ModelCIF file with pLDDT and N, C-alpha, C, O atoms, coordinates in Angstrom:
data_MODEL
#
_entry.id   MODEL 
#
_entity.id                         1 
_entity.type                       polymer 
_entity.pdbx_number_of_molecules   1 
#
_entity_poly.entity_id                      1 
_entity_poly.type                           'polypeptide(L)' 
_entity_poly.nstd_linkage                   no 
_entity_poly.nstd_monomer                   no 
_entity_poly.pdbx_seq_one_letter_code       MVTQLHLALVLAIDAKILVLDEPTLGLDILTRRQFYNHLLE 
_entity_poly.pdbx_seq_one_letter_code_can   MVTQLHLALVLAIDAKILVLDEPTLGLDILTRRQFYNHLLE 
_entity_poly.pdbx_strand_id                 A 
#
loop_
_entity_poly_seq.entity_id 
_entity_poly_seq.num 
_entity_poly_seq.mon_id 
_entity_poly_seq.hetero 
1 1  MET n 
1 2  VAL n 
1 3  THR n 
1 4  GLN n 
1 5  LEU n 
1 6  HIS n 
1 7  LEU n 
1 8  ALA n 
1 9  LEU n 
1 10 VAL n 
1 11 LEU n 
1 12 ALA n 
1 13 ILE n 
1 14 ASP n 
1 15 ALA n 
1 16 LYS n 
1 17 ILE n 
1 18 LEU n 
1 19 VAL n 
1 20 LEU n 
1 21 ASP n 
1 22 GLU n 
1 23 PRO n 
1 24 THR n 
1 25 LEU n 
1 26 GLY n 
1 27 LEU n 
1 28 ASP n 
1 29 ILE n 
1 30 LEU n 
1 31 THR n 
1 32 ARG n 
1 33 ARG n 
1 34 GLN n 
1 35 PHE n 
1 36 TYR n 
1 37 ASN n 
1 38 HIS n 
1 39 LEU n 
1 40 LEU n 
1 41 GLU n 
#
_struct_asym.id          A 
_struct_asym.entity_id   1 
#
loop_
_ma_qa_metric.id 
_ma_qa_metric.mode 
_ma_qa_metric.name 
_ma_qa_metric.software_group_id 
_ma_qa_metric.type 
1 global pLDDT . pLDDT 
2 local  pLDDT . pLDDT 
#
_ma_qa_metric_global.metric_id      1 
_ma_qa_metric_global.metric_value   84.80 
_ma_qa_metric_global.model_id       1 
_ma_qa_metric_global.ordinal_id     1 
#
loop_
_ma_qa_metric_local.label_asym_id 
_ma_qa_metric_local.label_comp_id 
_ma_qa_metric_local.label_seq_id 
_ma_qa_metric_local.metric_id 
_ma_qa_metric_local.metric_value 
_ma_qa_metric_local.model_id 
_ma_qa_metric_local.ordinal_id 
A MET 1  2 85.00 1 1  
A VAL 2  2 86.00 1 2  
A THR 3  2 82.00 1 3  
A GLN 4  2 83.00 1 4  
A LEU 5  2 89.00 1 5  
A HIS 6  2 86.00 1 6  
A LEU 7  2 83.00 1 7  
A ALA 8  2 88.00 1 8  
A LEU 9  2 90.00 1 9  
A VAL 10 2 87.00 1 10 
A LEU 11 2 85.00 1 11 
A ALA 12 2 90.00 1 12 
A ILE 13 2 89.00 1 13 
A ASP 14 2 88.00 1 14 
A ALA 15 2 91.00 1 15 
A LYS 16 2 94.00 1 16 
A ILE 17 2 95.00 1 17 
A LEU 18 2 93.00 1 18 
A VAL 19 2 93.00 1 19 
A LEU 20 2 91.00 1 20 
A ASP 21 2 89.00 1 21 
A GLU 22 2 85.00 1 22 
A PRO 23 2 82.00 1 23 
A THR 24 2 80.00 1 24 
A LEU 25 2 74.00 1 25 
A GLY 26 2 70.00 1 26 
A LEU 27 2 76.00 1 27 
A ASP 28 2 81.00 1 28 
A ILE 29 2 84.00 1 29 
A LEU 30 2 82.00 1 30 
A THR 31 2 80.00 1 31 
A ARG 32 2 83.00 1 32 
A ARG 33 2 84.00 1 33 
A GLN 34 2 80.00 1 34 
A PHE 35 2 80.00 1 35 
A TYR 36 2 85.00 1 36 
A ASN 37 2 83.00 1 37 
A HIS 38 2 80.00 1 38 
A LEU 39 2 83.00 1 39 
A LEU 40 2 86.00 1 40 
A GLU 41 2 82.00 1 41 
#
loop_
_atom_site.group_PDB 
_atom_site.id 
_atom_site.type_symbol 
_atom_site.label_atom_id 
_atom_site.label_alt_id 
_atom_site.label_comp_id 
_atom_site.label_asym_id 
_atom_site.label_entity_id 
_atom_site.label_seq_id 
_atom_site.pdbx_PDB_ins_code 
_atom_site.Cartn_x 
_atom_site.Cartn_y 
_atom_site.Cartn_z 
_atom_site.occupancy 
_atom_site.B_iso_or_equiv 
_atom_site.pdbx_formal_charge 
_atom_site.auth_seq_id 
_atom_site.auth_comp_id 
_atom_site.auth_asym_id 
_atom_site.auth_atom_id 
_atom_site.pdbx_PDB_model_num 
ATOM 1   N N  . MET A 1 1  ? -28.211 62.924 314.345 1.00 85.00 ? 1  MET A N  1 
ATOM 2   C CA . MET A 1 1  ? -29.144 63.649 313.464 1.00 85.00 ? 1  MET A CA 1 
ATOM 3   C C  . MET A 1 1  ? -28.425 64.146 312.212 1.00 85.00 ? 1  MET A C  1 
ATOM 4   O O  . MET A 1 1  ? -28.960 64.076 311.106 1.00 85.00 ? 1  MET A O  1 
ATOM 5   N N  . VAL A 1 2  ? -27.201 64.650 312.404 1.00 86.00 ? 2  VAL A N  1 
ATOM 6   C CA . VAL A 1 2  ? -26.425 65.112 311.229 1.00 86.00 ? 2  VAL A CA 1 
ATOM 7   C C  . VAL A 1 2  ? -26.203 63.992 310.243 1.00 86.00 ? 2  VAL A C  1 
ATOM 8   O O  . VAL A 1 2  ? -26.334 64.169 309.032 1.00 86.00 ? 2  VAL A O  1 
ATOM 9   N N  . THR A 1 3  ? -25.861 62.820 310.788 1.00 82.00 ? 3  THR A N  1 
ATOM 10  C CA . THR A 1 3  ? -25.650 61.636 309.925 1.00 82.00 ? 3  THR A CA 1 
ATOM 11  C C  . THR A 1 3  ? -26.920 61.275 309.188 1.00 82.00 ? 3  THR A C  1 
ATOM 12  O O  . THR A 1 3  ? -26.872 60.950 308.002 1.00 82.00 ? 3  THR A O  1 
ATOM 13  N N  . GLN A 1 4  ? -28.079 61.328 309.877 1.00 83.00 ? 4  GLN A N  1 
ATOM 14  C CA . GLN A 1 4  ? -29.384 61.014 309.248 1.00 83.00 ? 4  GLN A CA 1 
ATOM 15  C C  . GLN A 1 4  ? -29.703 62.032 308.168 1.00 83.00 ? 4  GLN A C  1 
ATOM 16  O O  . GLN A 1 4  ? -30.209 61.669 307.106 1.00 83.00 ? 4  GLN A O  1 
ATOM 17  N N  . LEU A 1 5  ? -29.412 63.315 308.428 1.00 89.00 ? 5  LEU A N  1 
ATOM 18  C CA . LEU A 1 5  ? -29.729 64.279 307.374 1.00 89.00 ? 5  LEU A CA 1 
ATOM 19  C C  . LEU A 1 5  ? -28.836 64.075 306.184 1.00 89.00 ? 5  LEU A C  1 
ATOM 20  O O  . LEU A 1 5  ? -29.314 64.199 305.056 1.00 89.00 ? 5  LEU A O  1 
ATOM 21  N N  . HIS A 1 6  ? -27.576 63.771 306.357 1.00 86.00 ? 6  HIS A N  1 
ATOM 22  C CA . HIS A 1 6  ? -26.651 63.464 305.257 1.00 86.00 ? 6  HIS A CA 1 
ATOM 23  C C  . HIS A 1 6  ? -27.154 62.284 304.449 1.00 86.00 ? 6  HIS A C  1 
ATOM 24  O O  . HIS A 1 6  ? -27.144 62.312 303.219 1.00 86.00 ? 6  HIS A O  1 
ATOM 25  N N  . LEU A 1 7  ? -27.602 61.229 305.158 1.00 83.00 ? 7  LEU A N  1 
ATOM 26  C CA . LEU A 1 7  ? -28.126 60.028 304.491 1.00 83.00 ? 7  LEU A CA 1 
ATOM 27  C C  . LEU A 1 7  ? -29.350 60.369 303.676 1.00 83.00 ? 7  LEU A C  1 
ATOM 28  O O  . LEU A 1 7  ? -29.492 59.894 302.549 1.00 83.00 ? 7  LEU A O  1 
ATOM 29  N N  . ALA A 1 8  ? -30.254 61.198 304.229 1.00 88.00 ? 8  ALA A N  1 
ATOM 30  C CA . ALA A 1 8  ? -31.480 61.564 303.494 1.00 88.00 ? 8  ALA A CA 1 
ATOM 31  C C  . ALA A 1 8  ? -31.148 62.298 302.199 1.00 88.00 ? 8  ALA A C  1 
ATOM 32  O O  . ALA A 1 8  ? -31.768 62.052 301.164 1.00 88.00 ? 8  ALA A O  1 
ATOM 33  N N  . LEU A 1 9  ? -30.190 63.180 302.256 1.00 90.00 ? 9  LEU A N  1 
ATOM 34  C CA . LEU A 1 9  ? -29.864 63.980 301.061 1.00 90.00 ? 9  LEU A CA 1 
ATOM 35  C C  . LEU A 1 9  ? -29.295 63.087 299.951 1.00 90.00 ? 9  LEU A C  1 
ATOM 36  O O  . LEU A 1 9  ? -29.637 63.224 298.777 1.00 90.00 ? 9  LEU A O  1 
ATOM 37  N N  . VAL A 1 10 ? -28.423 62.177 300.361 1.00 87.00 ? 10 VAL A N  1 
ATOM 38  C CA . VAL A 1 10 ? -27.777 61.274 299.357 1.00 87.00 ? 10 VAL A CA 1 
ATOM 39  C C  . VAL A 1 10 ? -28.757 60.230 298.818 1.00 87.00 ? 10 VAL A C  1 
ATOM 40  O O  . VAL A 1 10 ? -28.820 60.001 297.610 1.00 87.00 ? 10 VAL A O  1 
ATOM 41  N N  . LEU A 1 11 ? -29.504 59.611 299.690 1.00 85.00 ? 11 LEU A N  1 
ATOM 42  C CA . LEU A 1 11 ? -30.401 58.541 299.273 1.00 85.00 ? 11 LEU A CA 1 
ATOM 43  C C  . LEU A 1 11 ? -31.517 59.071 298.365 1.00 85.00 ? 11 LEU A C  1 
ATOM 44  O O  . LEU A 1 11 ? -32.132 58.312 297.616 1.00 85.00 ? 11 LEU A O  1 
ATOM 45  N N  . ALA A 1 12 ? -31.772 60.395 298.444 1.00 90.00 ? 12 ALA A N  1 
ATOM 46  C CA . ALA A 1 12 ? -32.856 60.962 297.605 1.00 90.00 ? 12 ALA A CA 1 
ATOM 47  C C  . ALA A 1 12 ? -32.339 61.216 296.151 1.00 90.00 ? 12 ALA A C  1 
ATOM 48  O O  . ALA A 1 12 ? -33.103 61.688 295.309 1.00 90.00 ? 12 ALA A O  1 
ATOM 49  N N  . ILE A 1 13 ? -31.094 60.917 295.866 1.00 89.00 ? 13 ILE A N  1 
ATOM 50  C CA . ILE A 1 13 ? -30.571 60.991 294.520 1.00 89.00 ? 13 ILE A CA 1 
ATOM 51  C C  . ILE A 1 13 ? -30.876 59.706 293.788 1.00 89.00 ? 13 ILE A C  1 
ATOM 52  O O  . ILE A 1 13 ? -30.496 58.627 294.244 1.00 89.00 ? 13 ILE A O  1 
ATOM 53  N N  . ASP A 1 14 ? -31.562 59.804 292.653 1.00 88.00 ? 14 ASP A N  1 
ATOM 54  C CA . ASP A 1 14 ? -31.940 58.615 291.890 1.00 88.00 ? 14 ASP A CA 1 
ATOM 55  C C  . ASP A 1 14 ? -30.748 58.145 291.063 1.00 88.00 ? 14 ASP A C  1 
ATOM 56  O O  . ASP A 1 14 ? -30.705 58.318 289.845 1.00 88.00 ? 14 ASP A O  1 
ATOM 57  N N  . ALA A 1 15 ? -29.780 57.545 291.759 1.00 91.00 ? 15 ALA A N  1 
ATOM 58  C CA . ALA A 1 15 ? -28.547 57.101 291.116 1.00 91.00 ? 15 ALA A CA 1 
ATOM 59  C C  . ALA A 1 15 ? -28.568 55.643 290.721 1.00 91.00 ? 15 ALA A C  1 
ATOM 60  O O  . ALA A 1 15 ? -29.350 54.864 291.267 1.00 91.00 ? 15 ALA A O  1 
ATOM 61  N N  . LYS A 1 16 ? -27.731 55.263 289.788 1.00 94.00 ? 16 LYS A N  1 
ATOM 62  C CA . LYS A 1 16 ? -27.600 53.862 289.410 1.00 94.00 ? 16 LYS A CA 1 
ATOM 63  C C  . LYS A 1 16 ? -26.713 53.102 290.363 1.00 94.00 ? 16 LYS A C  1 
ATOM 64  O O  . LYS A 1 16 ? -26.877 51.899 290.567 1.00 94.00 ? 16 LYS A O  1 
ATOM 65  N N  . ILE A 1 17 ? -25.734 53.843 290.965 1.00 95.00 ? 17 ILE A N  1 
ATOM 66  C CA . ILE A 1 17 ? -24.800 53.244 291.847 1.00 95.00 ? 17 ILE A CA 1 
ATOM 67  C C  . ILE A 1 17 ? -24.727 54.015 293.151 1.00 95.00 ? 17 ILE A C  1 
ATOM 68  O O  . ILE A 1 17 ? -24.577 55.237 293.142 1.00 95.00 ? 17 ILE A O  1 
ATOM 69  N N  . LEU A 1 18 ? -24.832 53.309 294.283 1.00 93.00 ? 18 LEU A N  1 
ATOM 70  C CA . LEU A 1 18 ? -24.727 53.924 295.596 1.00 93.00 ? 18 LEU A CA 1 
ATOM 71  C C  . LEU A 1 18 ? -23.513 53.321 296.295 1.00 93.00 ? 18 LEU A C  1 
ATOM 72  O O  . LEU A 1 18 ? -23.400 52.103 296.429 1.00 93.00 ? 18 LEU A O  1 
ATOM 73  N N  . VAL A 1 19 ? -22.606 54.191 296.739 1.00 93.00 ? 19 VAL A N  1 
ATOM 74  C CA . VAL A 1 19 ? -21.370 53.767 297.366 1.00 93.00 ? 19 VAL A CA 1 
ATOM 75  C C  . VAL A 1 19 ? -21.462 54.217 298.861 1.00 93.00 ? 19 VAL A C  1 
ATOM 76  O O  . VAL A 1 19 ? -21.597 55.408 299.140 1.00 93.00 ? 19 VAL A O  1 
ATOM 77  N N  . LEU A 1 20 ? -21.390 53.281 299.781 1.00 91.00 ? 20 LEU A N  1 
ATOM 78  C CA . LEU A 1 20 ? -21.517 53.567 301.205 1.00 91.00 ? 20 LEU A CA 1 
ATOM 79  C C  . LEU A 1 20 ? -20.236 53.181 301.915 1.00 91.00 ? 20 LEU A C  1 
ATOM 80  O O  . LEU A 1 20 ? -19.814 52.026 301.852 1.00 91.00 ? 20 LEU A O  1 
ATOM 81  N N  . ASP A 1 21 ? -19.608 54.144 302.595 1.00 89.00 ? 21 ASP A N  1 
ATOM 82  C CA . ASP A 1 21 ? -18.366 53.837 303.329 1.00 89.00 ? 21 ASP A CA 1 
ATOM 83  C C  . ASP A 1 21 ? -18.681 53.941 304.822 1.00 89.00 ? 21 ASP A C  1 
ATOM 84  O O  . ASP A 1 21 ? -18.722 55.047 305.361 1.00 89.00 ? 21 ASP A O  1 
ATOM 85  N N  . GLU A 1 22 ? -18.898 52.855 305.474 1.00 85.00 ? 22 GLU A N  1 
ATOM 86  C CA . GLU A 1 22 ? -19.261 52.833 306.898 1.00 85.00 ? 22 GLU A CA 1 
ATOM 87  C C  . GLU A 1 22 ? -20.342 53.830 307.139 1.00 85.00 ? 22 GLU A C  1 
ATOM 88  O O  . GLU A 1 22 ? -20.136 54.780 307.893 1.00 85.00 ? 22 GLU A O  1 
ATOM 89  N N  . PRO A 1 23 ? -21.545 53.654 306.503 1.00 82.00 ? 23 PRO A N  1 
ATOM 90  C CA . PRO A 1 23 ? -22.520 54.754 306.455 1.00 82.00 ? 23 PRO A CA 1 
ATOM 91  C C  . PRO A 1 23 ? -23.285 55.011 307.779 1.00 82.00 ? 23 PRO A C  1 
ATOM 92  O O  . PRO A 1 23 ? -23.914 56.059 307.920 1.00 82.00 ? 23 PRO A O  1 
ATOM 93  N N  . THR A 1 24 ? -23.241 54.093 308.725 1.00 80.00 ? 24 THR A N  1 
ATOM 94  C CA . THR A 1 24 ? -24.091 54.269 309.899 1.00 80.00 ? 24 THR A CA 1 
ATOM 95  C C  . THR A 1 24 ? -23.274 54.565 311.176 1.00 80.00 ? 24 THR A C  1 
ATOM 96  O O  . THR A 1 24 ? -23.776 54.384 312.286 1.00 80.00 ? 24 THR A O  1 
ATOM 97  N N  . LEU A 1 25 ? -22.000 55.027 311.014 1.00 74.00 ? 25 LEU A N  1 
ATOM 98  C CA . LEU A 1 25 ? -21.212 55.387 312.201 1.00 74.00 ? 25 LEU A CA 1 
ATOM 99  C C  . LEU A 1 25 ? -21.968 56.526 312.906 1.00 74.00 ? 25 LEU A C  1 
ATOM 100 O O  . LEU A 1 25 ? -22.469 57.456 312.273 1.00 74.00 ? 25 LEU A O  1 
ATOM 101 N N  . GLY A 1 26 ? -22.027 56.415 314.218 1.00 70.00 ? 26 GLY A N  1 
ATOM 102 C CA . GLY A 1 26 ? -22.672 57.456 315.033 1.00 70.00 ? 26 GLY A CA 1 
ATOM 103 C C  . GLY A 1 26 ? -24.139 57.264 315.229 1.00 70.00 ? 26 GLY A C  1 
ATOM 104 O O  . GLY A 1 26 ? -24.760 58.060 315.933 1.00 70.00 ? 26 GLY A O  1 
ATOM 105 N N  . LEU A 1 27 ? -24.757 56.210 314.623 1.00 76.00 ? 27 LEU A N  1 
ATOM 106 C CA . LEU A 1 27 ? -26.175 55.985 314.762 1.00 76.00 ? 27 LEU A CA 1 
ATOM 107 C C  . LEU A 1 27 ? -26.372 54.845 315.784 1.00 76.00 ? 27 LEU A C  1 
ATOM 108 O O  . LEU A 1 27 ? -25.546 53.938 315.892 1.00 76.00 ? 27 LEU A O  1 
ATOM 109 N N  . ASP A 1 28 ? -27.507 54.922 316.537 1.00 81.00 ? 28 ASP A N  1 
ATOM 110 C CA . ASP A 1 28 ? -27.833 53.869 317.445 1.00 81.00 ? 28 ASP A CA 1 
ATOM 111 C C  . ASP A 1 28 ? -28.400 52.676 316.664 1.00 81.00 ? 28 ASP A C  1 
ATOM 112 O O  . ASP A 1 28 ? -28.720 52.808 315.483 1.00 81.00 ? 28 ASP A O  1 
ATOM 113 N N  . ILE A 1 29 ? -28.526 51.503 317.321 1.00 84.00 ? 29 ILE A N  1 
ATOM 114 C CA . ILE A 1 29 ? -28.904 50.303 316.614 1.00 84.00 ? 29 ILE A CA 1 
ATOM 115 C C  . ILE A 1 29 ? -30.245 50.369 315.947 1.00 84.00 ? 29 ILE A C  1 
ATOM 116 O O  . ILE A 1 29 ? -30.414 49.799 314.869 1.00 84.00 ? 29 ILE A O  1 
ATOM 117 N N  . LEU A 1 30 ? -31.225 51.049 316.547 1.00 82.00 ? 30 LEU A N  1 
ATOM 118 C CA . LEU A 1 30 ? -32.544 51.156 315.999 1.00 82.00 ? 30 LEU A CA 1 
ATOM 119 C C  . LEU A 1 30 ? -32.479 51.996 314.721 1.00 82.00 ? 30 LEU A C  1 
ATOM 120 O O  . LEU A 1 30 ? -33.095 51.641 313.716 1.00 82.00 ? 30 LEU A O  1 
ATOM 121 N N  . THR A 1 31 ? -31.755 53.080 314.753 1.00 80.00 ? 31 THR A N  1 
ATOM 122 C CA . THR A 1 31 ? -31.644 53.961 313.579 1.00 80.00 ? 31 THR A CA 1 
ATOM 123 C C  . THR A 1 31 ? -30.887 53.285 312.478 1.00 80.00 ? 31 THR A C  1 
ATOM 124 O O  . THR A 1 31 ? -31.191 53.486 311.303 1.00 80.00 ? 31 THR A O  1 
ATOM 125 N N  . ARG A 1 32 ? -29.892 52.476 312.832 1.00 83.00 ? 32 ARG A N  1 
ATOM 126 C CA . ARG A 1 32 ? -29.097 51.723 311.780 1.00 83.00 ? 32 ARG A CA 1 
ATOM 127 C C  . ARG A 1 32 ? -30.069 50.742 311.079 1.00 83.00 ? 32 ARG A C  1 
ATOM 128 O O  . ARG A 1 32 ? -30.037 50.628 309.854 1.00 83.00 ? 32 ARG A O  1 
ATOM 129 N N  . ARG A 1 33 ? -30.897 50.061 311.809 1.00 84.00 ? 33 ARG A N  1 
ATOM 130 C CA . ARG A 1 33 ? -31.795 49.095 311.181 1.00 84.00 ? 33 ARG A CA 1 
ATOM 131 C C  . ARG A 1 33 ? -32.799 49.810 310.310 1.00 84.00 ? 33 ARG A C  1 
ATOM 132 O O  . ARG A 1 33 ? -33.153 49.326 309.235 1.00 84.00 ? 33 ARG A O  1 
ATOM 133 N N  . GLN A 1 34 ? -33.265 50.974 310.772 1.00 80.00 ? 34 GLN A N  1 
ATOM 134 C CA . GLN A 1 34 ? -34.234 51.764 309.970 1.00 80.00 ? 34 GLN A CA 1 
ATOM 135 C C  . GLN A 1 34 ? -33.531 52.212 308.685 1.00 80.00 ? 34 GLN A C  1 
ATOM 136 O O  . GLN A 1 34 ? -34.140 52.187 307.615 1.00 80.00 ? 34 GLN A O  1 
ATOM 137 N N  . PHE A 1 35 ? -32.289 52.611 308.768 1.00 80.00 ? 35 PHE A N  1 
ATOM 138 C CA . PHE A 1 35 ? -31.569 53.062 307.563 1.00 80.00 ? 35 PHE A CA 1 
ATOM 139 C C  . PHE A 1 35 ? -31.496 51.944 306.526 1.00 80.00 ? 35 PHE A C  1 
ATOM 140 O O  . PHE A 1 35 ? -31.764 52.193 305.350 1.00 80.00 ? 35 PHE A O  1 
ATOM 141 N N  . TYR A 1 36 ? -31.146 50.730 306.920 1.00 85.00 ? 36 TYR A N  1 
ATOM 142 C CA . TYR A 1 36 ? -31.030 49.668 305.993 1.00 85.00 ? 36 TYR A CA 1 
ATOM 143 C C  . TYR A 1 36 ? -32.341 49.187 305.415 1.00 85.00 ? 36 TYR A C  1 
ATOM 144 O O  . TYR A 1 36 ? -32.412 48.741 304.270 1.00 85.00 ? 36 TYR A O  1 
ATOM 145 N N  . ASN A 1 37 ? -33.383 49.285 306.234 1.00 83.00 ? 37 ASN A N  1 
ATOM 146 C CA . ASN A 1 37 ? -34.715 48.979 305.689 1.00 83.00 ? 37 ASN A CA 1 
ATOM 147 C C  . ASN A 1 37 ? -35.096 50.016 304.663 1.00 83.00 ? 37 ASN A C  1 
ATOM 148 O O  . ASN A 1 37 ? -35.633 49.677 303.609 1.00 83.00 ? 37 ASN A O  1 
ATOM 149 N N  . HIS A 1 38 ? -34.830 51.273 304.950 1.00 80.00 ? 38 HIS A N  1 
ATOM 150 C CA . HIS A 1 38 ? -35.115 52.357 303.994 1.00 80.00 ? 38 HIS A CA 1 
ATOM 151 C C  . HIS A 1 38 ? -34.300 52.192 302.683 1.00 80.00 ? 38 HIS A C  1 
ATOM 152 O O  . HIS A 1 38 ? -34.794 52.462 301.588 1.00 80.00 ? 38 HIS A O  1 
ATOM 153 N N  . LEU A 1 39 ? -33.043 51.743 302.837 1.00 83.00 ? 39 LEU A N  1 
ATOM 154 C CA . LEU A 1 39 ? -32.227 51.507 301.700 1.00 83.00 ? 39 LEU A CA 1 
ATOM 155 C C  . LEU A 1 39 ? -32.819 50.480 300.756 1.00 83.00 ? 39 LEU A C  1 
ATOM 156 O O  . LEU A 1 39 ? -32.818 50.678 299.541 1.00 83.00 ? 39 LEU A O  1 
ATOM 157 N N  . LEU A 1 40 ? -33.321 49.391 301.298 1.00 86.00 ? 40 LEU A N  1 
ATOM 158 C CA . LEU A 1 40 ? -33.971 48.335 300.477 1.00 86.00 ? 40 LEU A CA 1 
ATOM 159 C C  . LEU A 1 40 ? -35.313 48.734 299.914 1.00 86.00 ? 40 LEU A C  1 
ATOM 160 O O  . LEU A 1 40 ? -35.646 48.419 298.771 1.00 86.00 ? 40 LEU A O  1 
ATOM 161 N N  . GLU A 1 41 ? -36.075 49.426 300.726 1.00 82.00 ? 41 GLU A N  1 
ATOM 162 C CA . GLU A 1 41 ? -37.451 49.740 300.295 1.00 82.00 ? 41 GLU A CA 1 
ATOM 163 C C  . GLU A 1 41 ? -37.564 50.923 299.328 1.00 82.00 ? 41 GLU A C  1 
ATOM 164 O O  . GLU A 1 41 ? -38.666 51.271 298.905 1.00 82.00 ? 41 GLU A O  1 
#
C-alpha cells in the first residue's frame, strides 16, 4: 500500500519525463500489471 501511495503521488505530476527505478518492488503481480496499465493510460 505504501508503494502504491508513493506511485499515485508521483504519477499525478504532469511531467515531461518520468524516471522509474524498479518501481514495482513489493507489489503483487496483479498490482504490478495494474500499475503499468495506469502508466500507459
